[in-house]
Amino acid sequence: MTVGATNMNEQFVGYSSQGRAALDPDKPDFCSITHFTGFSTSDDGTSAATPIAAGVVALMKKAKPSLTQDEAKAALKATAKGIGLVGFDQHSGAGIIRAKAAYDVVAVPAE
């Protein structure tokens, strides 16, 4: 999975990773939020956005332990909030991940 970055106003951050990837020509797959204050005065870039996306995947795995990478990626892409062109675009991929929506897609209902 490749993660791009958007700011808190849901705008693509110009220095965010984009372009062809080694295993997939479409990069990024989706974006996560950056430019927020955390452990330092400015957490920014894909270095801040990627751990957020990883945390969302961890929650998804908690909901469905058998979740594969392909299933997680598909759920994140399918539920992303588009901010660019409809479908994939070179700046934001499928859009900004929506954690709750992706979680709900993979969560196994209690019996």
PDB file of N, CA and C in Angstrom:
ATOM      1  N   MET A   1       0.842  -1.172   0.000  1.00  0.00           N
ATOM      2  CA  MET A   1       0.000   0.000   0.000  1.00  0.00           C
ATOM      3  C   MET A   1       0.891   1.240   0.000  1.00  0.00           C
ATOM      4  N   THR A   2       0.477   2.227  -0.754  1.00  0.00           N
ATOM      5  CA  THR A   2       1.196   3.494  -0.776  1.00  0.00           C
ATOM      6  C   THR A   2       0.272   4.585  -0.260  1.00  0.00           C
ATOM      7  N   VAL A   3       0.820   5.444   0.591  1.00  0.00           N
ATOM      8  CA  VAL A   3       0.023   6.461   1.271  1.00  0.00           C
ATOM      9  C   VAL A   3       0.539   7.844   0.916  1.00  0.00           C
ATOM     10  N   GLY A   4      -0.371   8.682   0.469  1.00  0.00           N
ATOM     11  CA  GLY A   4      -0.062  10.082   0.226  1.00  0.00           C
ATOM     12  C   GLY A   4      -0.495  10.905   1.425  1.00  0.00           C
ATOM     13  N   ALA A   5      -0.352  12.214   1.337  1.00  0.00           N
ATOM     14  CA  ALA A   5      -0.663  13.078   2.463  1.00  0.00           C
ATOM     15  C   ALA A   5      -1.555  14.242   2.052  1.00  0.00           C
ATOM     16  N   THR A   6      -2.506  14.559   2.930  1.00  0.00           N
ATOM     17  CA  THR A   6      -3.333  15.753   2.778  1.00  0.00           C
ATOM     18  C   THR A   6      -3.292  16.521   4.096  1.00  0.00           C
ATOM     19  N   ASN A   7      -3.574  17.809   4.032  1.00  0.00           N
ATOM     20  CA  ASN A   7      -3.583  18.581   5.264  1.00  0.00           C
ATOM     21  C   ASN A   7      -4.948  18.485   5.948  1.00  0.00           C
ATOM     22  N   MET A   8      -5.102  19.160   7.065  1.00  0.00           N
ATOM     23  CA  MET A   8      -6.343  19.091   7.835  1.00  0.00           C
ATOM     24  C   MET A   8      -7.533  19.683   7.076  1.00  0.00           C
ATOM     25  N   ASN A   9      -7.254  20.472   6.042  1.00  0.00           N
ATOM     26  CA  ASN A   9      -8.309  21.038   5.200  1.00  0.00           C
ATOM     27  C   ASN A   9      -8.633  20.143   4.006  1.00  0.00           C
ATOM     28  N   GLU A  10      -8.113  18.919   4.047  1.00  0.00           N
ATOM     29  CA  GLU A  10      -8.338  17.917   3.006  1.00  0.00           C
ATOM     30  C   GLU A  10      -7.799  18.347   1.647  1.00  0.00           C
ATOM     31  N   GLN A  11      -6.669  19.036   1.676  1.00  0.00           N
ATOM     32  CA  GLN A  11      -6.000  19.463   0.455  1.00  0.00           C
ATOM     33  C   GLN A  11      -4.726  18.643   0.279  1.00  0.00           C
ATOM     34  N   PHE A  12      -4.487  18.207  -0.937  1.00  0.00           N
ATOM     35  CA  PHE A  12      -3.281  17.455  -1.262  1.00  0.00           C
ATOM     36  C   PHE A  12      -2.057  18.290  -0.902  1.00  0.00           C
ATOM     37  N   VAL A  13      -1.078  17.670  -0.275  1.00  0.00           N
ATOM     38  CA  VAL A  13       0.169  18.334   0.076  1.00  0.00           C
ATOM     39  C   VAL A  13       1.155  18.092  -1.062  1.00  0.00           C
ATOM     40  N   GLY A  14       1.647  19.155  -1.665  1.00  0.00           N
ATOM     41  CA  GLY A  14       2.438  19.085  -2.892  1.00  0.00           C
ATOM     42  C   GLY A  14       3.663  18.217  -2.851  1.00  0.00           C
ATOM     43  N   TYR A  15       4.305  18.056  -1.710  1.00  0.00           N
ATOM     44  CA  TYR A  15       5.508  17.232  -1.638  1.00  0.00           C
ATOM     45  C   TYR A  15       5.197  15.770  -1.337  1.00  0.00           C
ATOM     46  N   SER A  16       3.922  15.425  -1.249  1.00  0.00           N
ATOM     47  CA  SER A  16       3.520  14.054  -0.952  1.00  0.00           C
ATOM     48  C   SER A  16       3.932  13.111  -2.070  1.00  0.00           C
ATOM     49  N   SER A  17       4.219  11.883  -1.698  1.00  0.00           N
ATOM     50  CA  SER A  17       4.650  10.866  -2.648  1.00  0.00           C
ATOM     51  C   SER A  17       3.587  10.619  -3.718  1.00  0.00           C
ATOM     52  N   GLN A  18       4.026  10.562  -4.962  1.00  0.00           N
ATOM     53  CA  GLN A  18       3.123  10.279  -6.074  1.00  0.00           C
ATOM     54  C   GLN A  18       3.927   9.726  -7.238  1.00  0.00           C
ATOM     55  N   GLY A  19       3.235   9.236  -8.243  1.00  0.00           N
ATOM     56  CA  GLY A  19       3.918   8.704  -9.416  1.00  0.00           C
ATOM     57  C   GLY A  19       3.921   7.193  -9.439  1.00  0.00           C
ATOM     58  N   ARG A  20       4.585   6.624 -10.382  1.00  0.00           N
ATOM     59  CA  ARG A  20       4.618   5.165 -10.547  1.00  0.00           C
ATOM     60  C   ARG A  20       5.332   4.508  -9.364  1.00  0.00           C
ATOM     61  N   ALA A  21       4.765   3.394  -8.904  1.00  0.00           N
ATOM     62  CA  ALA A  21       5.385   2.603  -7.848  1.00  0.00           C
ATOM     63  C   ALA A  21       5.991   1.350  -8.467  1.00  0.00           C
ATOM     64  N   ALA A  22       6.857   0.706  -7.745  1.00  0.00           N
ATOM     65  CA  ALA A  22       7.551  -0.478  -8.269  1.00  0.00           C
ATOM     66  C   ALA A  22       6.592  -1.623  -8.584  1.00  0.00           C
ATOM     67  N   LEU A  23       5.586  -1.823  -7.743  1.00  0.00           N
ATOM     68  CA  LEU A  23       4.682  -2.958  -7.920  1.00  0.00           C
ATOM     69  C   LEU A  23       3.326  -2.578  -8.501  1.00  0.00           C
ATOM     70  N   ASP A  24       3.049  -1.292  -8.615  1.00  0.00           N
ATOM     71  CA  ASP A  24       1.745  -0.835  -9.102  1.00  0.00           C
ATOM     72  C   ASP A  24       1.941   0.532  -9.755  1.00  0.00           C
ATOM     73  N   PRO A  25       1.451   0.726 -10.953  1.00  0.00           N
ATOM     74  CA  PRO A  25       1.673   2.013 -11.610  1.00  0.00           C
ATOM     75  C   PRO A  25       0.917   3.171 -10.954  1.00  0.00           C
ATOM     76  N   ASP A  26      -0.112   2.870 -10.187  1.00  0.00           N
ATOM     77  CA  ASP A  26      -0.915   3.921  -9.552  1.00  0.00           C
ATOM     78  C   ASP A  26      -0.436   4.168  -8.128  1.00  0.00           C
ATOM     79  N   LYS A  27       0.041   5.380  -7.878  1.00  0.00           N
ATOM     80  CA  LYS A  27       0.536   5.739  -6.556  1.00  0.00           C
ATOM     81  C   LYS A  27       0.193   7.189  -6.300  1.00  0.00           C
ATOM     82  N   PRO A  28      -0.357   7.531  -5.155  1.00  0.00           N
ATOM     83  CA  PRO A  28      -0.615   6.689  -3.989  1.00  0.00           C
ATOM     84  C   PRO A  28      -1.931   5.932  -4.120  1.00  0.00           C
ATOM     85  N   ASP A  29      -2.125   4.931  -3.260  1.00  0.00           N
ATOM     86  CA  ASP A  29      -3.405   4.223  -3.241  1.00  0.00           C
ATOM     87  C   ASP A  29      -4.482   5.110  -2.644  1.00  0.00           C
ATOM     88  N   PHE A  30      -4.123   5.839  -1.600  1.00  0.00           N
ATOM     89  CA  PHE A  30      -5.045   6.733  -0.893  1.00  0.00           C
ATOM     90  C   PHE A  30      -4.197   7.664  -0.049  1.00  0.00           C
ATOM     91  N   CYS A  31      -4.840   8.610   0.602  1.00  0.00           N
ATOM     92  CA  CYS A  31      -4.127   9.567   1.445  1.00  0.00           C
ATOM     93  C   CYS A  31      -4.611   9.493   2.881  1.00  0.00           C
ATOM     94  N   SER A  32      -3.786  10.023   3.751  1.00  0.00           N
ATOM     95  CA  SER A  32      -4.119  10.170   5.155  1.00  0.00           C
ATOM     96  C   SER A  32      -3.761  11.604   5.552  1.00  0.00           C
ATOM     97  N   ILE A  33      -4.249  12.030   6.692  1.00  0.00           N
ATOM     98  CA  ILE A  33      -4.041  13.404   7.143  1.00  0.00           C
ATOM     99  C   ILE A  33      -2.631  13.594   7.703  1.00  0.00           C
ATOM    100  N   THR A  34      -2.065  14.750   7.437  1.00  0.00           N
ATOM    101  CA  THR A  34      -0.785  15.175   7.964  1.00  0.00           C
ATOM    102  C   THR A  34      -0.933  16.623   8.434  1.00  0.00           C
ATOM    103  N   HIS A  35       0.125  17.242   8.841  1.00  0.00           N
ATOM    104  CA  HIS A  35       0.103  18.625   9.341  1.00  0.00           C
ATOM    105  C   HIS A  35      -0.792  18.783  10.560  1.00  0.00           C
ATOM    106  N   PHE A  36      -0.512  18.019  11.563  1.00  0.00           N
ATOM    107  CA  PHE A  36      -1.205  18.154  12.839  1.00  0.00           C
ATOM    108  C   PHE A  36      -0.131  18.158  13.924  1.00  0.00           C
ATOM    109  N   THR A  37      -0.455  18.665  15.071  1.00  0.00           N
ATOM    110  CA  THR A  37       0.532  18.721  16.142  1.00  0.00           C
ATOM    111  C   THR A  37       0.436  17.471  16.988  1.00  0.00           C
ATOM    112  N   GLY A  38       1.543  16.829  17.200  1.00  0.00           N
ATOM    113  CA  GLY A  38       1.611  15.602  17.988  1.00  0.00           C
ATOM    114  C   GLY A  38       2.800  15.682  18.914  1.00  0.00           C
ATOM    115  N   PHE A  39       3.814  14.863  18.669  1.00  0.00           N
ATOM    116  CA  PHE A  39       4.989  14.834  19.528  1.00  0.00           C
ATOM    117  C   PHE A  39       5.933  16.010  19.294  1.00  0.00           C
ATOM    118  N   SER A  40       5.803  16.660  18.172  1.00  0.00           N
ATOM    119  CA  SER A  40       6.621  17.838  17.912  1.00  0.00           C
ATOM    120  C   SER A  40       5.693  18.963  17.480  1.00  0.00           C
ATOM    121  N   THR A  41       6.260  20.120  17.173  1.00  0.00           N
ATOM    122  CA  THR A  41       5.418  21.258  16.809  1.00  0.00           C
ATOM    123  C   THR A  41       4.743  21.090  15.461  1.00  0.00           C
ATOM    124  N   SER A  42       5.260  20.223  14.624  1.00  0.00           N
ATOM    125  CA  SER A  42       4.633  19.993  13.323  1.00  0.00           C
ATOM    126  C   SER A  42       4.903  18.569  12.859  1.00  0.00           C
ATOM    127  N   ASP A  43       3.886  17.742  12.908  1.00  0.00           N
ATOM    128  CA  ASP A  43       3.979  16.403  12.339  1.00  0.00           C
ATOM    129  C   ASP A  43       3.484  16.523  10.908  1.00  0.00           C
ATOM    130  N   ASP A  44       4.343  16.220   9.953  1.00  0.00           N
ATOM    131  CA  ASP A  44       3.896  16.430   8.583  1.00  0.00           C
ATOM    132  C   ASP A  44       4.484  15.432   7.612  1.00  0.00           C
ATOM    133  N   GLY A  45       3.912  15.437   6.425  1.00  0.00           N
ATOM    134  CA  GLY A  45       4.360  14.591   5.338  1.00  0.00           C
ATOM    135  C   GLY A  45       3.863  13.161   5.448  1.00  0.00           C
ATOM    136  N   THR A  46       4.332  12.343   4.528  1.00  0.00           N
ATOM    137  CA  THR A  46       3.930  10.938   4.554  1.00  0.00           C
ATOM    138  C   THR A  46       4.486  10.241   5.787  1.00  0.00           C
ATOM    139  N   SER A  47       5.509  10.820   6.410  1.00  0.00           N
ATOM    140  CA  SER A  47       6.042  10.253   7.649  1.00  0.00           C
ATOM    141  C   SER A  47       5.020  10.334   8.778  1.00  0.00           C
ATOM    142  N   ALA A  48       4.088  11.251   8.703  1.00  0.00           N
ATOM    143  CA  ALA A  48       3.005  11.350   9.680  1.00  0.00           C
ATOM    144  C   ALA A  48       1.745  10.667   9.170  1.00  0.00           C
ATOM    145  N   ALA A  49       1.491  10.736   7.878  1.00  0.00           N
ATOM    146  CA  ALA A  49       0.274  10.164   7.303  1.00  0.00           C
ATOM    147  C   ALA A  49       0.281   8.637   7.298  1.00  0.00           C
ATOM    148  N   THR A  50       1.421   8.044   7.014  1.00  0.00           N
ATOM    149  CA  THR A  50       1.506   6.586   6.916  1.00  0.00           C
ATOM    150  C   THR A  50       1.216   5.879   8.240  1.00  0.00           C
ATOM    151  N   PRO A  51       1.739   6.332   9.380  1.00  0.00           N
ATOM    152  CA  PRO A  51       1.393   5.650  10.629  1.00  0.00           C
ATOM    153  C   PRO A  51      -0.098   5.718  10.961  1.00  0.00           C
ATOM    154  N   ILE A  52      -0.754   6.776  10.549  1.00  0.00           N
ATOM    155  CA  ILE A  52      -2.202   6.848  10.764  1.00  0.00           C
ATOM    156  C   ILE A  52      -2.891   5.763   9.946  1.00  0.00           C
ATOM    157  N   ALA A  53      -2.504   5.626   8.693  1.00  0.00           N
ATOM    158  CA  ALA A  53      -3.085   4.580   7.844  1.00  0.00           C
ATOM    159  C   ALA A  53      -2.784   3.197   8.415  1.00  0.00           C
ATOM    160  N   ALA A  54      -1.572   2.995   8.921  1.00  0.00           N
ATOM    161  CA  ALA A  54      -1.209   1.699   9.516  1.00  0.00           C
ATOM    162  C   ALA A  54      -2.057   1.410  10.749  1.00  0.00           C
ATOM    163  N   GLY A  55      -2.343   2.435  11.528  1.00  0.00           N
ATOM    164  CA  GLY A  55      -3.204   2.266  12.697  1.00  0.00           C
ATOM    165  C   GLY A  55      -4.611   1.862  12.313  1.00  0.00           C
ATOM    166  N   VAL A  56      -5.112   2.430  11.227  1.00  0.00           N
ATOM    167  CA  VAL A  56      -6.441   2.059  10.740  1.00  0.00           C
ATOM    168  C   VAL A  56      -6.449   0.593  10.312  1.00  0.00           C
ATOM    169  N   VAL A  57      -5.413   0.164   9.603  1.00  0.00           N
ATOM    170  CA  VAL A  57      -5.320  -1.242   9.189  1.00  0.00           C
ATOM    171  C   VAL A  57      -5.242  -2.151  10.418  1.00  0.00           C
ATOM    172  N   ALA A  58      -4.527  -1.733  11.448  1.00  0.00           N
ATOM    173  CA  ALA A  58      -4.444  -2.531  12.674  1.00  0.00           C
ATOM    174  C   ALA A  58      -5.826  -2.699  13.304  1.00  0.00           C
ATOM    175  N   LEU A  59      -6.622  -1.635  13.325  1.00  0.00           N
ATOM    176  CA  LEU A  59      -7.989  -1.735  13.855  1.00  0.00           C
ATOM    177  C   LEU A  59      -8.835  -2.658  12.991  1.00  0.00           C
ATOM    178  N   MET A  60      -8.642  -2.588  11.684  1.00  0.00           N
ATOM    179  CA  MET A  60      -9.375  -3.466  10.778  1.00  0.00           C
ATOM    180  C   MET A  60      -8.998  -4.928  11.033  1.00  0.00           C
ATOM    181  N   LYS A  61      -7.706  -5.188  11.262  1.00  0.00           N
ATOM    182  CA  LYS A  61      -7.245  -6.550  11.572  1.00  0.00           C
ATOM    183  C   LYS A  61      -7.819  -7.033  12.903  1.00  0.00           C
ATOM    184  N   LYS A  62      -7.997  -6.130  13.842  1.00  0.00           N
ATOM    185  CA  LYS A  62      -8.604  -6.490  15.125  1.00  0.00           C
ATOM    186  C   LYS A  62     -10.055  -6.926  14.909  1.00  0.00           C
ATOM    187  N   ALA A  63     -10.734  -6.249  14.000  1.00  0.00           N
ATOM    188  CA  ALA A  63     -12.131  -6.585  13.699  1.00  0.00           C
ATOM    189  C   ALA A  63     -12.240  -7.883  12.912  1.00  0.00           C
ATOM    190  N   LYS A  64     -11.243  -8.135  12.066  1.00  0.00           N
ATOM    191  CA  LYS A  64     -11.248  -9.344  11.243  1.00  0.00           C
ATOM    192  C   LYS A  64      -9.815  -9.881  11.166  1.00  0.00           C
ATOM    193  N   PRO A  65      -9.426 -10.744  12.094  1.00  0.00           N
ATOM    194  CA  PRO A  65      -8.047 -11.231  12.139  1.00  0.00           C
ATOM    195  C   PRO A  65      -7.553 -11.878  10.845  1.00  0.00           C
ATOM    196  N   SER A  66      -8.438 -12.438  10.058  1.00  0.00           N
ATOM    197  CA  SER A  66      -8.019 -13.088   8.809  1.00  0.00           C
ATOM    198  C   SER A  66      -7.884 -12.101   7.643  1.00  0.00           C
ATOM    199  N   LEU A  67      -8.051 -10.832   7.896  1.00  0.00           N
ATOM    200  CA  LEU A  67      -7.993  -9.804   6.851  1.00  0.00           C
ATOM    201  C   LEU A  67      -6.654  -9.858   6.122  1.00  0.00           C
ATOM    202  N   THR A  68      -6.727  -9.898   4.796  1.00  0.00           N
ATOM    203  CA  THR A  68      -5.507  -9.888   3.990  1.00  0.00           C
ATOM    204  C   THR A  68      -5.151  -8.453   3.611  1.00  0.00           C
ATOM    205  N   GLN A  69      -3.919  -8.270   3.145  1.00  0.00           N
ATOM    206  CA  GLN A  69      -3.505  -6.942   2.698  1.00  0.00           C
ATOM    207  C   GLN A  69      -4.383  -6.470   1.544  1.00  0.00           C
ATOM    208  N   ASP A  70      -4.682  -7.362   0.611  1.00  0.00           N
ATOM    209  CA  ASP A  70      -5.520  -6.979  -0.523  1.00  0.00           C
ATOM    210  C   ASP A  70      -6.920  -6.561  -0.078  1.00  0.00           C
ATOM    211  N   GLU A  71      -7.488  -7.271   0.900  1.00  0.00           N
ATOM    212  CA  GLU A  71      -8.816  -6.912   1.413  1.00  0.00           C
ATOM    213  C   GLU A  71      -8.775  -5.562   2.121  1.00  0.00           C
ATOM    214  N   ALA A  72      -7.739  -5.334   2.905  1.00  0.00           N
ATOM    215  CA  ALA A  72      -7.607  -4.057   3.610  1.00  0.00           C
ATOM    216  C   ALA A  72      -7.463  -2.908   2.622  1.00  0.00           C
ATOM    217  N   LYS A  73      -6.618  -3.103   1.639  1.00  0.00           N
ATOM    218  CA  LYS A  73      -6.395  -2.068   0.621  1.00  0.00           C
ATOM    219  C   LYS A  73      -7.687  -1.782  -0.136  1.00  0.00           C
ATOM    220  N   ALA A  74      -8.414  -2.821  -0.510  1.00  0.00           N
ATOM    221  CA  ALA A  74      -9.673  -2.644  -1.244  1.00  0.00           C
ATOM    222  C   ALA A  74     -10.698  -1.890  -0.401  1.00  0.00           C
ATOM    223  N   ALA A  75     -10.801  -2.224   0.883  1.00  0.00           N
ATOM    224  CA  ALA A  75     -11.761  -1.545   1.760  1.00  0.00           C
ATOM    225  C   ALA A  75     -11.388  -0.079   1.948  1.00  0.00           C
ATOM    226  N   LEU A  76     -10.102   0.195   2.129  1.00  0.00           N
ATOM    227  CA  LEU A  76      -9.662   1.581   2.291  1.00  0.00           C
ATOM    228  C   LEU A  76      -9.916   2.394   1.026  1.00  0.00           C
ATOM    229  N   LYS A  77      -9.639   1.798  -0.129  1.00  0.00           N
ATOM    230  CA  LYS A  77      -9.868   2.507  -1.387  1.00  0.00           C
ATOM    231  C   LYS A  77     -11.358   2.713  -1.668  1.00  0.00           C
ATOM    232  N   ALA A  78     -12.162   1.689  -1.386  1.00  0.00           N
ATOM    233  CA  ALA A  78     -13.598   1.760  -1.679  1.00  0.00           C
ATOM    234  C   ALA A  78     -14.325   2.786  -0.815  1.00  0.00           C
ATOM    235  N   THR A  79     -13.811   3.035   0.373  1.00  0.00           N
ATOM    236  CA  THR A  79     -14.494   3.941   1.299  1.00  0.00           C
ATOM    237  C   THR A  79     -13.825   5.306   1.406  1.00  0.00           C
ATOM    238  N   ALA A  80     -12.764   5.523   0.653  1.00  0.00           N
ATOM    239  CA  ALA A  80     -12.038   6.795   0.720  1.00  0.00           C
ATOM    240  C   ALA A  80     -12.907   7.955   0.236  1.00  0.00           C
ATOM    241  N   LYS A  81     -12.649   9.116   0.811  1.00  0.00           N
ATOM    242  CA  LYS A  81     -13.349  10.344   0.405  1.00  0.00           C
ATOM    243  C   LYS A  81     -12.560  10.989  -0.724  1.00  0.00           C
ATOM    244  N   GLY A  82     -13.144  10.968  -1.919  1.00  0.00           N
ATOM    245  CA  GLY A  82     -12.468  11.546  -3.077  1.00  0.00           C
ATOM    246  C   GLY A  82     -12.285  13.042  -2.925  1.00  0.00           C
ATOM    247  N   ILE A  83     -11.104  13.530  -3.277  1.00  0.00           N
ATOM    248  CA  ILE A  83     -10.848  14.973  -3.232  1.00  0.00           C
ATOM    249  C   ILE A  83     -10.304  15.492  -4.558  1.00  0.00           C
ATOM    250  N   GLY A  84     -10.153  14.599  -5.500  1.00  0.00           N
ATOM    251  CA  GLY A  84      -9.617  14.983  -6.811  1.00  0.00           C
ATOM    252  C   GLY A  84     -10.566  14.503  -7.886  1.00  0.00           C
ATOM    253  N   LEU A  85      -9.996  13.958  -8.933  1.00  0.00           N
ATOM    254  CA  LEU A  85     -10.794  13.396 -10.003  1.00  0.00           C
ATOM    255  C   LEU A  85     -11.610  12.217  -9.486  1.00  0.00           C
ATOM    256  N   VAL A  86     -12.708  11.912 -10.144  1.00  0.00           N
ATOM    257  CA  VAL A  86     -13.502  10.747  -9.766  1.00  0.00           C
ATOM    258  C   VAL A  86     -12.662   9.503 -10.015  1.00  0.00           C
ATOM    259  N   GLY A  87     -12.631   8.594  -9.042  1.00  0.00           N
ATOM    260  CA  GLY A  87     -11.792   7.406  -9.144  1.00  0.00           C
ATOM    261  C   GLY A  87     -10.369   7.752  -8.761  1.00  0.00           C
ATOM    262  N   PHE A  88      -9.403   7.106  -9.384  1.00  0.00           N
ATOM    263  CA  PHE A  88      -8.001   7.346  -9.072  1.00  0.00           C
ATOM    264  C   PHE A  88      -7.519   8.662  -9.650  1.00  0.00           C
ATOM    265  N   ASP A  89      -6.716   9.402  -8.874  1.00  0.00           N
ATOM    266  CA  ASP A  89      -5.978  10.521  -9.451  1.00  0.00           C
ATOM    267  C   ASP A  89      -4.557  10.489  -8.906  1.00  0.00           C
ATOM    268  N   GLN A  90      -3.627  11.050  -9.644  1.00  0.00           N
ATOM    269  CA  GLN A  90      -2.203  10.922  -9.341  1.00  0.00           C
ATOM    270  C   GLN A  90      -1.778  11.607  -8.048  1.00  0.00           C
ATOM    271  N   HIS A  91      -2.605  12.499  -7.516  1.00  0.00           N
ATOM    272  CA  HIS A  91      -2.233  13.218  -6.306  1.00  0.00           C
ATOM    273  C   HIS A  91      -2.766  12.566  -5.030  1.00  0.00           C
ATOM    274  N   SER A  92      -4.024  12.138  -5.063  1.00  0.00           N
ATOM    275  CA  SER A  92      -4.634  11.615  -3.830  1.00  0.00           C
ATOM    276  C   SER A  92      -5.090  10.169  -3.947  1.00  0.00           C
ATOM    277  N   GLY A  93      -4.784   9.506  -5.042  1.00  0.00           N
ATOM    278  CA  GLY A  93      -5.212   8.115  -5.214  1.00  0.00           C
ATOM    279  C   GLY A  93      -6.729   8.021  -5.203  1.00  0.00           C
ATOM    280  N   ALA A  94      -7.269   7.179  -4.342  1.00  0.00           N
ATOM    281  CA  ALA A  94      -8.726   7.033  -4.226  1.00  0.00           C
ATOM    282  C   ALA A  94      -9.330   8.119  -3.341  1.00  0.00           C
ATOM    283  N   GLY A  95      -8.472   8.859  -2.629  1.00  0.00           N
ATOM    284  CA  GLY A  95      -8.945   9.915  -1.739  1.00  0.00           C
ATOM    285  C   GLY A  95      -8.424   9.713  -0.326  1.00  0.00           C
ATOM    286  N   ILE A  96      -9.048  10.393   0.625  1.00  0.00           N
ATOM    287  CA  ILE A  96      -8.635  10.339   2.027  1.00  0.00           C
ATOM    288  C   ILE A  96      -9.316   9.156   2.708  1.00  0.00           C
ATOM    289  N   ILE A  97      -8.519   8.357   3.404  1.00  0.00           N
ATOM    290  CA  ILE A  97      -9.107   7.200   4.076  1.00  0.00           C
ATOM    291  C   ILE A  97     -10.126   7.654   5.128  1.00  0.00           C
ATOM    292  N   ARG A  98     -11.184   6.882   5.225  1.00  0.00           N
ATOM    293  CA  ARG A  98     -12.216   7.107   6.243  1.00  0.00           C
ATOM    294  C   ARG A  98     -12.222   5.853   7.116  1.00  0.00           C
ATOM    295  N   ALA A  99     -11.593   5.976   8.282  1.00  0.00           N
ATOM    296  CA  ALA A  99     -11.325   4.828   9.150  1.00  0.00           C
ATOM    297  C   ALA A  99     -12.589   4.057   9.516  1.00  0.00           C
ATOM    298  N   LYS A 100     -13.611   4.744   9.987  1.00  0.00           N
ATOM    299  CA  LYS A 100     -14.831   4.059  10.440  1.00  0.00           C
ATOM    300  C   LYS A 100     -15.506   3.336   9.287  1.00  0.00           C
ATOM    301  N   ALA A 101     -15.560   3.957   8.145  1.00  0.00           N
ATOM    302  CA  ALA A 101     -16.204   3.331   6.980  1.00  0.00           C
ATOM    303  C   ALA A 101     -15.445   2.071   6.560  1.00  0.00           C
ATOM    304  N   ALA A 102     -14.124   2.138   6.525  1.00  0.00           N
ATOM    305  CA  ALA A 102     -13.321   0.968   6.152  1.00  0.00           C
ATOM    306  C   ALA A 102     -13.460  -0.133   7.205  1.00  0.00           C
ATOM    307  N   TYR A 103     -13.453   0.249   8.463  1.00  0.00           N
ATOM    308  CA  TYR A 103     -13.632  -0.711   9.557  1.00  0.00           C
ATOM    309  C   TYR A 103     -14.970  -1.430   9.412  1.00  0.00           C
ATOM    310  N   ASP A 104     -16.022  -0.659   9.153  1.00  0.00           N
ATOM    311  CA  ASP A 104     -17.364  -1.254   9.030  1.00  0.00           C
ATOM    312  C   ASP A 104     -17.456  -2.253   7.878  1.00  0.00           C
ATOM    313  N   VAL A 105     -16.701  -2.034   6.816  1.00  0.00           N
ATOM    314  CA  VAL A 105     -16.718  -2.939   5.669  1.00  0.00           C
ATOM    315  C   VAL A 105     -16.180  -4.306   6.035  1.00  0.00           C
ATOM    316  N   VAL A 106     -15.149  -4.343   6.875  1.00  0.00           N
ATOM    317  CA  VAL A 106     -14.498  -5.617   7.173  1.00  0.00           C
ATOM    318  C   VAL A 106     -14.934  -6.255   8.492  1.00  0.00           C
ATOM    319  N   ALA A 107     -15.588  -5.492   9.355  1.00  0.00           N
ATOM    320  CA  ALA A 107     -15.965  -6.013  10.673  1.00  0.00           C
ATOM    321  C   ALA A 107     -16.886  -7.213  10.527  1.00  0.00           C
ATOM    322  N   VAL A 108     -16.568  -8.268  11.256  1.00  0.00           N
ATOM    323  CA  VAL A 108     -17.386  -9.477  11.251  1.00  0.00           C
ATOM    324  C   VAL A 108     -18.502  -9.298  12.257  1.00  0.00           C
ATOM    325  N   PRO A 109     -19.781  -9.397  11.828  1.00  0.00           N
ATOM    326  CA  PRO A 109     -20.879  -9.225  12.769  1.00  0.00           C
ATOM    327  C   PRO A 109     -20.855 -10.268  13.887  1.00  0.00           C
ATOM    328  N   ALA A 110     -21.194  -9.831  15.077  1.00  0.00           N
ATOM    329  CA  ALA A 110     -21.273 -10.765  16.209  1.00  0.00           C
ATOM    330  C   ALA A 110     -22.436 -11.710  15.987  1.00  0.00           C
ATOM    331  N   GLU A 111     -22.230 -12.959  16.369  1.00  0.00           N
ATOM    332  CA  GLU A 111     -23.291 -13.965  16.182  1.00  0.00           C
ATOM    333  C   GLU A 111     -24.207 -14.018  17.376  1.00  0.00           C
TER     334      GLU A 111
END
